[in-house]
Amino acid sequence: MIITDKLIEHFNENLLYQTMGIRLTSAGSGRAVSELHPMQAVCWPLADQPHGGILFTLMDTTMAWAALSTADHATNCATISLQIQYPLPAKGSFFICNVRTVHSTGRSCFMRGEILNTDDQPVAMGQGTFRIIQGEGIC
């Protein structure tokens, strides 16, 4: 699937992701990059420290877009599994998530990703499996 700037713009208008502070910046050829500028409403229990669930959502979303970019006729995908580790506290007002496809079997994509703080230190690392879906979906 070709991920166009228009599709990325449409995704970034999603109220859920705007509320969290998530913004997809690029997706293609089995890779995707997104940013997190966490809103204070999602920082808990400390200010400027987004909840781990927000980081999980950032990783899940970014992996989904990378998976979609590997399929010729995909219209959607579903998370089969996602494992995430948090090696450092996520403190700050900006994070970047980089994801790549490790292996693809046509309908399944195996992904790896990391979320980095402003010092390029990983605050989250994950691996996931996604199922490509054809039919009604986001496109």
N, C-alpha and C. Protein backbone atom coordinates (compact mmCIF):
# COMPACT_ATOMS: atom_id res chain seq x y z
N MET A 1 0.84 -1.18 0.00
CA MET A 1 0.00 0.00 0.00
C MET A 1 0.89 1.24 0.00
N ILE A 2 0.55 2.18 -0.82
CA ILE A 2 1.30 3.43 -0.85
C ILE A 2 0.67 4.38 0.18
N ILE A 3 1.48 4.82 1.10
CA ILE A 3 1.02 5.74 2.15
C ILE A 3 1.31 7.15 1.65
N THR A 4 0.27 7.88 1.31
CA THR A 4 0.42 9.22 0.76
C THR A 4 0.44 10.26 1.89
N ASP A 5 0.91 11.45 1.55
CA ASP A 5 0.87 12.55 2.52
C ASP A 5 -0.57 12.86 2.93
N LYS A 6 -1.50 12.72 1.99
CA LYS A 6 -2.91 12.97 2.29
C LYS A 6 -3.45 11.96 3.31
N LEU A 7 -3.06 10.70 3.17
CA LEU A 7 -3.49 9.68 4.12
C LEU A 7 -2.87 9.94 5.50
N ILE A 8 -1.61 10.32 5.54
CA ILE A 8 -0.96 10.66 6.81
C ILE A 8 -1.65 11.86 7.45
N GLU A 9 -1.96 12.87 6.65
CA GLU A 9 -2.66 14.05 7.16
C GLU A 9 -4.02 13.67 7.74
N HIS A 10 -4.73 12.80 7.03
CA HIS A 10 -6.03 12.33 7.51
C HIS A 10 -5.88 11.60 8.85
N PHE A 11 -4.89 10.74 8.97
CA PHE A 11 -4.63 10.03 10.22
C PHE A 11 -4.35 11.03 11.34
N ASN A 12 -3.52 12.01 11.06
CA ASN A 12 -3.12 12.97 12.09
C ASN A 12 -4.26 13.86 12.57
N GLU A 13 -5.38 13.88 11.83
CA GLU A 13 -6.56 14.63 12.25
C GLU A 13 -7.42 13.86 13.24
N ASN A 14 -7.08 12.59 13.51
CA ASN A 14 -7.84 11.76 14.43
C ASN A 14 -7.79 12.38 15.82
N LEU A 15 -8.96 12.60 16.40
CA LEU A 15 -9.06 13.27 17.70
C LEU A 15 -8.36 12.51 18.82
N LEU A 16 -8.43 11.18 18.79
CA LEU A 16 -7.77 10.38 19.83
C LEU A 16 -6.26 10.66 19.84
N TYR A 17 -5.65 10.61 18.67
CA TYR A 17 -4.20 10.81 18.59
C TYR A 17 -3.82 12.26 18.84
N GLN A 18 -4.66 13.19 18.43
CA GLN A 18 -4.40 14.60 18.76
C GLN A 18 -4.43 14.81 20.27
N THR A 19 -5.38 14.18 20.94
CA THR A 19 -5.49 14.31 22.39
C THR A 19 -4.26 13.75 23.10
N MET A 20 -3.72 12.66 22.57
CA MET A 20 -2.52 12.06 23.15
C MET A 20 -1.25 12.81 22.78
N GLY A 21 -1.27 13.47 21.62
CA GLY A 21 -0.08 14.17 21.13
C GLY A 21 0.71 13.36 20.13
N ILE A 22 0.08 12.34 19.52
CA ILE A 22 0.74 11.47 18.54
C ILE A 22 0.61 12.06 17.15
N ARG A 23 1.71 12.01 16.39
CA ARG A 23 1.71 12.49 15.01
C ARG A 23 2.57 11.57 14.16
N LEU A 24 1.98 10.95 13.15
CA LEU A 24 2.71 10.13 12.19
C LEU A 24 3.45 11.07 11.24
N THR A 25 4.75 10.84 11.04
CA THR A 25 5.51 11.71 10.14
C THR A 25 5.84 11.05 8.82
N SER A 26 6.03 9.73 8.79
CA SER A 26 6.30 9.05 7.53
C SER A 26 6.01 7.56 7.66
N ALA A 27 5.69 6.95 6.51
CA ALA A 27 5.48 5.50 6.46
C ALA A 27 5.69 5.05 5.02
N GLY A 28 6.45 3.97 4.86
CA GLY A 28 6.68 3.41 3.54
C GLY A 28 7.76 2.36 3.56
N SER A 29 7.68 1.43 2.63
CA SER A 29 8.69 0.37 2.49
C SER A 29 8.94 -0.39 3.78
N GLY A 30 7.88 -0.64 4.55
CA GLY A 30 8.01 -1.42 5.77
C GLY A 30 8.56 -0.66 6.96
N ARG A 31 8.64 0.64 6.86
CA ARG A 31 9.13 1.47 7.96
C ARG A 31 8.13 2.57 8.26
N ALA A 32 8.17 3.07 9.49
CA ALA A 32 7.32 4.20 9.86
C ALA A 32 7.98 4.97 10.99
N VAL A 33 7.70 6.26 11.03
CA VAL A 33 8.22 7.14 12.07
C VAL A 33 7.06 8.00 12.57
N SER A 34 6.99 8.14 13.88
CA SER A 34 5.99 9.03 14.47
C SER A 34 6.61 9.78 15.63
N GLU A 35 5.91 10.81 16.05
CA GLU A 35 6.36 11.65 17.15
C GLU A 35 5.30 11.68 18.24
N LEU A 36 5.75 11.93 19.44
CA LEU A 36 4.84 12.13 20.56
C LEU A 36 5.22 13.43 21.25
N HIS A 37 4.27 14.35 21.27
CA HIS A 37 4.36 15.58 22.06
C HIS A 37 3.24 15.44 23.10
N PRO A 38 3.52 14.74 24.21
CA PRO A 38 2.44 14.38 25.14
C PRO A 38 1.75 15.59 25.76
N MET A 39 0.43 15.54 25.72
CA MET A 39 -0.37 16.55 26.40
C MET A 39 -0.30 16.26 27.90
N GLN A 40 -0.36 17.29 28.72
CA GLN A 40 -0.27 17.08 30.16
C GLN A 40 -1.38 16.19 30.69
N ALA A 41 -2.50 16.15 29.99
CA ALA A 41 -3.62 15.30 30.42
C ALA A 41 -3.26 13.82 30.36
N VAL A 42 -2.24 13.44 29.57
CA VAL A 42 -1.86 12.02 29.47
C VAL A 42 -0.57 11.73 30.23
N CYS A 43 -0.10 12.70 30.98
CA CYS A 43 1.09 12.50 31.80
C CYS A 43 0.64 12.17 33.21
N TRP A 44 0.96 10.97 33.61
CA TRP A 44 0.52 10.51 34.92
C TRP A 44 1.42 9.38 35.37
N PRO A 45 1.89 9.29 36.55
CA PRO A 45 1.48 10.08 37.70
C PRO A 45 2.26 11.38 37.87
N LEU A 46 3.25 11.63 36.99
CA LEU A 46 4.07 12.84 37.11
C LEU A 46 3.92 13.72 35.88
N ALA A 47 4.02 15.02 36.08
CA ALA A 47 4.00 15.95 34.95
C ALA A 47 5.19 15.66 34.04
N ASP A 48 5.02 15.87 32.76
CA ASP A 48 6.07 15.65 31.75
C ASP A 48 6.56 14.21 31.70
N GLN A 49 5.73 13.28 32.12
CA GLN A 49 6.07 11.85 32.03
C GLN A 49 4.83 11.11 31.55
N PRO A 50 4.74 10.89 30.21
CA PRO A 50 3.54 10.23 29.68
C PRO A 50 3.38 8.81 30.24
N HIS A 51 2.15 8.44 30.49
CA HIS A 51 1.82 7.11 30.98
C HIS A 51 2.31 6.07 29.98
N GLY A 52 2.71 4.91 30.46
CA GLY A 52 3.19 3.83 29.61
C GLY A 52 2.18 3.40 28.56
N GLY A 53 0.90 3.53 28.85
CA GLY A 53 -0.13 3.19 27.88
C GLY A 53 -0.10 4.10 26.66
N ILE A 54 0.31 5.35 26.85
CA ILE A 54 0.44 6.28 25.73
C ILE A 54 1.61 5.83 24.85
N LEU A 55 2.71 5.43 25.47
CA LEU A 55 3.86 4.92 24.70
C LEU A 55 3.48 3.64 23.96
N PHE A 56 2.70 2.78 24.60
CA PHE A 56 2.24 1.55 23.98
C PHE A 56 1.40 1.87 22.74
N THR A 57 0.49 2.83 22.87
CA THR A 57 -0.35 3.23 21.74
C THR A 57 0.49 3.81 20.62
N LEU A 58 1.48 4.62 20.96
CA LEU A 58 2.40 5.17 19.95
C LEU A 58 3.10 4.06 19.20
N MET A 59 3.62 3.07 19.91
CA MET A 59 4.32 1.95 19.28
C MET A 59 3.36 1.14 18.40
N ASP A 60 2.19 0.82 18.93
CA ASP A 60 1.20 0.03 18.20
C ASP A 60 0.79 0.72 16.91
N THR A 61 0.49 2.00 16.99
CA THR A 61 0.06 2.78 15.83
C THR A 61 1.16 2.86 14.77
N THR A 62 2.36 3.11 15.19
CA THR A 62 3.47 3.25 14.25
C THR A 62 3.77 1.91 13.58
N MET A 63 3.72 0.83 14.34
CA MET A 63 3.92 -0.50 13.75
C MET A 63 2.83 -0.81 12.73
N ALA A 64 1.60 -0.44 13.03
CA ALA A 64 0.50 -0.70 12.11
C ALA A 64 0.74 -0.02 10.76
N TRP A 65 1.18 1.21 10.78
CA TRP A 65 1.44 1.93 9.53
C TRP A 65 2.62 1.32 8.77
N ALA A 66 3.63 0.89 9.47
CA ALA A 66 4.75 0.22 8.80
C ALA A 66 4.28 -1.09 8.17
N ALA A 67 3.44 -1.83 8.88
CA ALA A 67 2.91 -3.09 8.34
C ALA A 67 2.06 -2.82 7.10
N LEU A 68 1.19 -1.84 7.16
CA LEU A 68 0.35 -1.51 6.02
C LEU A 68 1.18 -1.16 4.79
N SER A 69 2.30 -0.52 5.01
CA SER A 69 3.13 -0.08 3.88
C SER A 69 3.81 -1.25 3.17
N THR A 70 3.75 -2.46 3.75
CA THR A 70 4.38 -3.62 3.11
C THR A 70 3.44 -4.37 2.18
N ALA A 71 2.13 -4.12 2.30
CA ALA A 71 1.14 -4.92 1.58
C ALA A 71 0.66 -4.20 0.33
N ASP A 72 0.46 -4.96 -0.73
CA ASP A 72 0.02 -4.38 -2.00
C ASP A 72 -1.42 -3.90 -1.96
N HIS A 73 -2.31 -4.69 -1.39
CA HIS A 73 -3.73 -4.36 -1.47
C HIS A 73 -4.38 -4.30 -0.10
N ALA A 74 -3.66 -3.92 0.91
CA ALA A 74 -4.20 -3.87 2.26
C ALA A 74 -5.13 -2.67 2.42
N THR A 75 -6.12 -2.84 3.25
CA THR A 75 -6.98 -1.73 3.62
C THR A 75 -6.98 -1.50 5.12
N ASN A 76 -6.43 -2.45 5.85
CA ASN A 76 -6.36 -2.31 7.29
C ASN A 76 -5.43 -3.40 7.84
N CYS A 77 -5.18 -3.34 9.12
CA CYS A 77 -4.41 -4.40 9.76
C CYS A 77 -4.86 -4.50 11.22
N ALA A 78 -4.53 -5.61 11.83
CA ALA A 78 -4.90 -5.84 13.22
C ALA A 78 -3.67 -6.30 14.00
N THR A 79 -3.56 -5.84 15.21
CA THR A 79 -2.48 -6.26 16.09
C THR A 79 -2.77 -7.67 16.59
N ILE A 80 -1.85 -8.59 16.33
CA ILE A 80 -1.97 -9.94 16.87
C ILE A 80 -1.31 -9.99 18.24
N SER A 81 -0.11 -9.44 18.33
CA SER A 81 0.57 -9.34 19.62
C SER A 81 1.52 -8.16 19.59
N LEU A 82 1.75 -7.60 20.75
CA LEU A 82 2.72 -6.51 20.90
C LEU A 82 3.32 -6.61 22.29
N GLN A 83 4.62 -6.77 22.32
CA GLN A 83 5.36 -6.82 23.59
C GLN A 83 6.22 -5.57 23.66
N ILE A 84 6.23 -4.96 24.83
CA ILE A 84 6.97 -3.72 24.97
C ILE A 84 7.71 -3.72 26.31
N GLN A 85 8.90 -3.19 26.29
CA GLN A 85 9.71 -3.04 27.50
C GLN A 85 10.02 -1.55 27.66
N TYR A 86 10.14 -1.12 28.91
CA TYR A 86 10.39 0.28 29.24
C TYR A 86 11.71 0.37 30.01
N PRO A 87 12.86 0.52 29.30
CA PRO A 87 14.14 0.52 29.99
C PRO A 87 14.45 1.79 30.79
N LEU A 88 13.82 2.91 30.43
CA LEU A 88 14.03 4.17 31.14
C LEU A 88 12.70 4.89 31.32
N PRO A 89 12.58 5.71 32.35
CA PRO A 89 11.37 6.52 32.47
C PRO A 89 11.27 7.49 31.28
N ALA A 90 10.08 7.65 30.77
CA ALA A 90 9.85 8.57 29.65
C ALA A 90 9.56 9.95 30.22
N LYS A 91 10.59 10.77 30.28
CA LYS A 91 10.44 12.13 30.83
C LYS A 91 10.74 13.12 29.71
N GLY A 92 9.87 14.11 29.58
CA GLY A 92 10.11 15.14 28.58
C GLY A 92 8.88 15.48 27.78
N SER A 93 9.08 16.36 26.80
CA SER A 93 7.96 16.86 26.01
C SER A 93 8.02 16.41 24.55
N PHE A 94 8.99 15.54 24.20
CA PHE A 94 9.10 15.07 22.82
C PHE A 94 9.75 13.69 22.79
N PHE A 95 9.15 12.80 21.99
CA PHE A 95 9.67 11.45 21.79
C PHE A 95 9.49 11.09 20.32
N ILE A 96 10.34 10.23 19.82
CA ILE A 96 10.23 9.77 18.44
C ILE A 96 10.20 8.25 18.42
N CYS A 97 9.32 7.70 17.60
CA CYS A 97 9.16 6.26 17.48
C CYS A 97 9.60 5.83 16.08
N ASN A 98 10.55 4.92 16.01
CA ASN A 98 11.05 4.36 14.75
C ASN A 98 10.70 2.89 14.72
N VAL A 99 10.10 2.46 13.62
CA VAL A 99 9.66 1.07 13.48
C VAL A 99 10.10 0.54 12.13
N ARG A 100 10.42 -0.76 12.11
CA ARG A 100 10.75 -1.42 10.84
C ARG A 100 10.16 -2.81 10.82
N THR A 101 9.87 -3.27 9.62
CA THR A 101 9.40 -4.63 9.42
C THR A 101 10.61 -5.55 9.40
N VAL A 102 10.58 -6.57 10.22
CA VAL A 102 11.66 -7.55 10.29
C VAL A 102 11.43 -8.67 9.28
N HIS A 103 10.16 -9.09 9.16
CA HIS A 103 9.82 -10.18 8.26
C HIS A 103 8.34 -10.06 7.89
N SER A 104 8.02 -10.42 6.67
CA SER A 104 6.64 -10.39 6.22
C SER A 104 6.33 -11.67 5.46
N THR A 105 5.16 -12.26 5.74
CA THR A 105 4.77 -13.50 5.06
C THR A 105 3.58 -13.28 4.15
N GLY A 106 3.27 -12.07 3.83
CA GLY A 106 2.10 -11.78 3.00
C GLY A 106 0.95 -11.26 3.83
N ARG A 107 0.44 -12.09 4.74
CA ARG A 107 -0.67 -11.65 5.61
C ARG A 107 -0.20 -11.30 7.01
N SER A 108 1.00 -11.69 7.38
CA SER A 108 1.53 -11.38 8.71
C SER A 108 2.82 -10.59 8.58
N CYS A 109 2.96 -9.60 9.44
CA CYS A 109 4.17 -8.78 9.48
C CYS A 109 4.74 -8.82 10.89
N PHE A 110 6.04 -9.00 10.97
CA PHE A 110 6.74 -9.04 12.25
C PHE A 110 7.57 -7.77 12.36
N MET A 111 7.33 -7.02 13.43
CA MET A 111 7.86 -5.67 13.55
C MET A 111 8.78 -5.52 14.77
N ARG A 112 9.68 -4.55 14.67
CA ARG A 112 10.49 -4.11 15.81
C ARG A 112 10.48 -2.59 15.84
N GLY A 113 10.53 -2.04 17.04
CA GLY A 113 10.52 -0.59 17.14
C GLY A 113 11.11 -0.11 18.45
N GLU A 114 11.37 1.19 18.46
CA GLU A 114 11.86 1.82 19.69
C GLU A 114 11.33 3.24 19.75
N ILE A 115 11.18 3.70 20.97
CA ILE A 115 10.79 5.08 21.23
C ILE A 115 11.97 5.73 21.93
N LEU A 116 12.44 6.84 21.37
CA LEU A 116 13.62 7.52 21.90
C LEU A 116 13.24 8.86 22.52
N ASN A 117 13.97 9.23 23.57
CA ASN A 117 13.79 10.56 24.16
C ASN A 117 14.67 11.56 23.40
N THR A 118 14.73 12.78 23.86
CA THR A 118 15.50 13.82 23.15
C THR A 118 17.00 13.59 23.22
N ASP A 119 17.46 12.71 24.11
CA ASP A 119 18.88 12.36 24.19
C ASP A 119 19.19 11.09 23.40
N ASP A 120 18.24 10.66 22.53
CA ASP A 120 18.37 9.43 21.73
C ASP A 120 18.52 8.18 22.59
N GLN A 121 17.98 8.20 23.79
CA GLN A 121 17.99 7.03 24.66
C GLN A 121 16.64 6.32 24.52
N PRO A 122 16.64 4.99 24.45
CA PRO A 122 15.36 4.28 24.33
C PRO A 122 14.57 4.29 25.64
N VAL A 123 13.34 4.77 25.57
CA VAL A 123 12.44 4.72 26.73
C VAL A 123 11.44 3.57 26.57
N ALA A 124 11.37 3.01 25.35
CA ALA A 124 10.53 1.84 25.10
C ALA A 124 11.08 1.10 23.88
N MET A 125 11.04 -0.23 23.97
CA MET A 125 11.44 -1.09 22.86
C MET A 125 10.36 -2.15 22.72
N GLY A 126 10.02 -2.48 21.48
CA GLY A 126 8.95 -3.44 21.31
C GLY A 126 9.09 -4.29 20.07
N GLN A 127 8.34 -5.38 20.09
CA GLN A 127 8.22 -6.23 18.92
C GLN A 127 6.76 -6.65 18.82
N GLY A 128 6.28 -6.73 17.58
CA GLY A 128 4.87 -7.04 17.39
C GLY A 128 4.63 -7.85 16.14
N THR A 129 3.45 -8.44 16.10
CA THR A 129 2.99 -9.19 14.94
C THR A 129 1.65 -8.60 14.53
N PHE A 130 1.51 -8.32 13.24
CA PHE A 130 0.31 -7.70 12.71
C PHE A 130 -0.24 -8.53 11.56
N ARG A 131 -1.56 -8.59 11.46
CA ARG A 131 -2.24 -9.32 10.39
C ARG A 131 -2.78 -8.29 9.38
N ILE A 132 -2.41 -8.47 8.12
CA ILE A 132 -2.89 -7.61 7.05
C ILE A 132 -4.32 -8.03 6.69
N ILE A 133 -5.20 -7.04 6.55
CA ILE A 133 -6.61 -7.29 6.26
C ILE A 133 -6.96 -6.63 4.94
N GLN A 134 -7.65 -7.35 4.10
CA GLN A 134 -8.17 -6.78 2.85
C GLN A 134 -9.67 -6.67 2.97
N GLY A 135 -10.22 -5.60 2.43
CA GLY A 135 -11.66 -5.37 2.53
C GLY A 135 -11.90 -3.99 3.08
N GLU A 136 -13.00 -3.82 3.81
CA GLU A 136 -13.34 -2.51 4.35
C GLU A 136 -12.31 -2.09 5.38
N GLY A 137 -11.87 -0.84 5.29
CA GLY A 137 -10.86 -0.39 6.22
C GLY A 137 -10.62 1.10 6.15
N ILE A 138 -9.39 1.51 6.42
CA ILE A 138 -9.06 2.92 6.54
C ILE A 138 -8.86 3.61 5.21
N CYS A 139 -8.65 2.85 4.16
CA CYS A 139 -8.30 3.46 2.87
C CYS A 139 -9.48 3.60 1.96
